[in-house]
Amino acid sequence: MGRILIDLPDTQIEELAAIAEAEHRSRAAVIRDAVKTYISQRNLGLGADVFGLWKDKKIDGVEYQLERRSEW
């Protein structure tokens, strides 16, 4: 596990400490969860640009899949 150093405003540090105390967890654990949540929310958009690419195909997706697998 790597370490990073960040600067936060005092108000955020106080709020972070309150959350950590209320949840009986360390501030580091709360920050790790916050970063994990942030990253997962950002990744929701990945791949969104490929949805709908199959709509103009002349063959059903399942048919195509079965056809390809029959070649194995």
C-alpha atoms as a PDB file:
ATOM      1  CA  MET A   1       0.000   0.000   0.000  1.00  0.00           C
ATOM      2  CA  GLY A   2       1.357   3.403  -0.952  1.00  0.00           C
ATOM      3  CA  ARG A   3       1.154   6.608   0.997  1.00  0.00           C
ATOM      4  CA  ILE A   4       0.213  10.081  -0.154  1.00  0.00           C
ATOM      5  CA  LEU A   5       0.235  13.466   1.490  1.00  0.00           C
ATOM      6  CA  ILE A   6      -2.697  15.789   0.891  1.00  0.00           C
ATOM      7  CA  ASP A   7      -3.666  19.208   2.178  1.00  0.00           C
ATOM      8  CA  LEU A   8      -7.235  19.694   3.370  1.00  0.00           C
ATOM      9  CA  PRO A   9      -8.949  22.738   4.819  1.00  0.00           C
ATOM     10  CA  ASP A  10      -9.393  22.593   8.596  1.00  0.00           C
ATOM     11  CA  THR A  11     -13.154  22.329   8.200  1.00  0.00           C
ATOM     12  CA  GLN A  12     -12.825  19.176   6.110  1.00  0.00           C
ATOM     13  CA  ILE A  13     -10.381  17.660   8.593  1.00  0.00           C
ATOM     14  CA  GLU A  14     -12.840  18.347  11.417  1.00  0.00           C
ATOM     15  CA  GLU A  15     -15.716  16.805   9.444  1.00  0.00           C
ATOM     16  CA  LEU A  16     -13.543  13.827   8.562  1.00  0.00           C
ATOM     17  CA  ALA A  17     -12.604  13.346  12.218  1.00  0.00           C
ATOM     18  CA  ALA A  18     -16.283  13.487  13.216  1.00  0.00           C
ATOM     19  CA  ILE A  19     -17.195  10.846  10.636  1.00  0.00           C
ATOM     20  CA  ALA A  20     -14.317   8.610  11.722  1.00  0.00           C
ATOM     21  CA  GLU A  21     -15.294   8.945  15.375  1.00  0.00           C
ATOM     22  CA  ALA A  22     -18.977   8.288  14.694  1.00  0.00           C
ATOM     23  CA  GLU A  23     -18.112   5.152  12.698  1.00  0.00           C
ATOM     24  CA  HIS A  24     -15.358   4.033  15.130  1.00  0.00           C
ATOM     25  CA  ARG A  25     -12.866   3.940  12.265  1.00  0.00           C
ATOM     26  CA  SER A  26      -9.605   5.636  11.457  1.00  0.00           C
ATOM     27  CA  ARG A  27      -9.492   8.722   9.283  1.00  0.00           C
ATOM     28  CA  ALA A  28      -7.333   6.766   6.824  1.00  0.00           C
ATOM     29  CA  ALA A  29     -10.031   4.090   6.477  1.00  0.00           C
ATOM     30  CA  VAL A  30     -12.695   6.730   5.853  1.00  0.00           C
ATOM     31  CA  ILE A  31     -10.496   8.436   3.250  1.00  0.00           C
ATOM     32  CA  ARG A  32      -9.780   5.104   1.506  1.00  0.00           C
ATOM     33  CA  ASP A  33     -13.514   4.415   1.270  1.00  0.00           C
ATOM     34  CA  ALA A  34     -14.172   7.932  -0.012  1.00  0.00           C
ATOM     35  CA  VAL A  35     -11.530   7.567  -2.730  1.00  0.00           C
ATOM     36  CA  LYS A  36     -12.854   4.110  -3.669  1.00  0.00           C
ATOM     37  CA  THR A  37     -16.390   5.517  -3.993  1.00  0.00           C
ATOM     38  CA  TYR A  38     -15.178   8.489  -6.029  1.00  0.00           C
ATOM     39  CA  ILE A  39     -13.273   6.258  -8.437  1.00  0.00           C
ATOM     40  CA  SER A  40     -16.181   3.846  -8.881  1.00  0.00           C
ATOM     41  CA  GLN A  41     -18.559   6.738  -9.617  1.00  0.00           C
ATOM     42  CA  ARG A  42     -16.143   8.171 -12.180  1.00  0.00           C
ATOM     43  CA  ASN A  43     -15.820   4.777 -13.875  1.00  0.00           C
ATOM     44  CA  LEU A  44     -19.585   4.479 -14.407  1.00  0.00           C
ATOM     45  CA  GLY A  45     -19.217   6.470 -17.609  1.00  0.00           C
ATOM     46  CA  LEU A  46     -16.532   4.217 -19.066  1.00  0.00           C
ATOM     47  CA  GLY A  47     -17.856   2.255 -21.975  1.00  0.00           C
ATOM     48  CA  ALA A  48     -20.973   4.397 -22.293  1.00  0.00           C
ATOM     49  CA  ASP A  49     -19.843   5.414 -25.770  1.00  0.00           C
ATOM     50  CA  VAL A  50     -20.214   1.833 -27.038  1.00  0.00           C
ATOM     51  CA  PHE A  51     -23.860   1.355 -26.125  1.00  0.00           C
ATOM     52  CA  GLY A  52     -26.034   1.221 -29.223  1.00  0.00           C
ATOM     53  CA  LEU A  53     -23.271   0.149 -31.610  1.00  0.00           C
ATOM     54  CA  TRP A  54     -25.102  -3.108 -32.373  1.00  0.00           C
ATOM     55  CA  LYS A  55     -28.446  -1.470 -33.242  1.00  0.00           C
ATOM     56  CA  ASP A  56     -27.762  -1.300 -36.999  1.00  0.00           C
ATOM     57  CA  LYS A  57     -26.612  -4.915 -37.323  1.00  0.00           C
ATOM     58  CA  LYS A  58     -28.760  -7.219 -39.429  1.00  0.00           C
ATOM     59  CA  ILE A  59     -28.303 -10.232 -37.134  1.00  0.00           C
ATOM     60  CA  ASP A  60     -29.549 -10.739 -33.586  1.00  0.00           C
ATOM     61  CA  GLY A  61     -26.769 -10.579 -30.999  1.00  0.00           C
ATOM     62  CA  VAL A  62     -27.501 -14.034 -29.613  1.00  0.00           C
ATOM     63  CA  GLU A  63     -27.592 -15.531 -33.102  1.00  0.00           C
ATOM     64  CA  TYR A  64     -24.245 -13.931 -33.850  1.00  0.00           C
ATOM     65  CA  GLN A  65     -22.787 -15.268 -30.633  1.00  0.00           C
ATOM     66  CA  LEU A  66     -24.022 -18.820 -31.321  1.00  0.00           C
ATOM     67  CA  GLU A  67     -22.708 -18.638 -34.884  1.00  0.00           C
ATOM     68  CA  ARG A  68     -19.258 -17.559 -33.697  1.00  0.00           C
ATOM     69  CA  ARG A  69     -19.166 -20.252 -31.019  1.00  0.00           C
ATOM     70  CA  SER A  70     -20.119 -22.947 -33.518  1.00  0.00           C
ATOM     71  CA  GLU A  71     -16.816 -22.245 -35.265  1.00  0.00           C
ATOM     72  CA  TRP A  72     -14.873 -23.471 -32.244  1.00  0.00           C
END
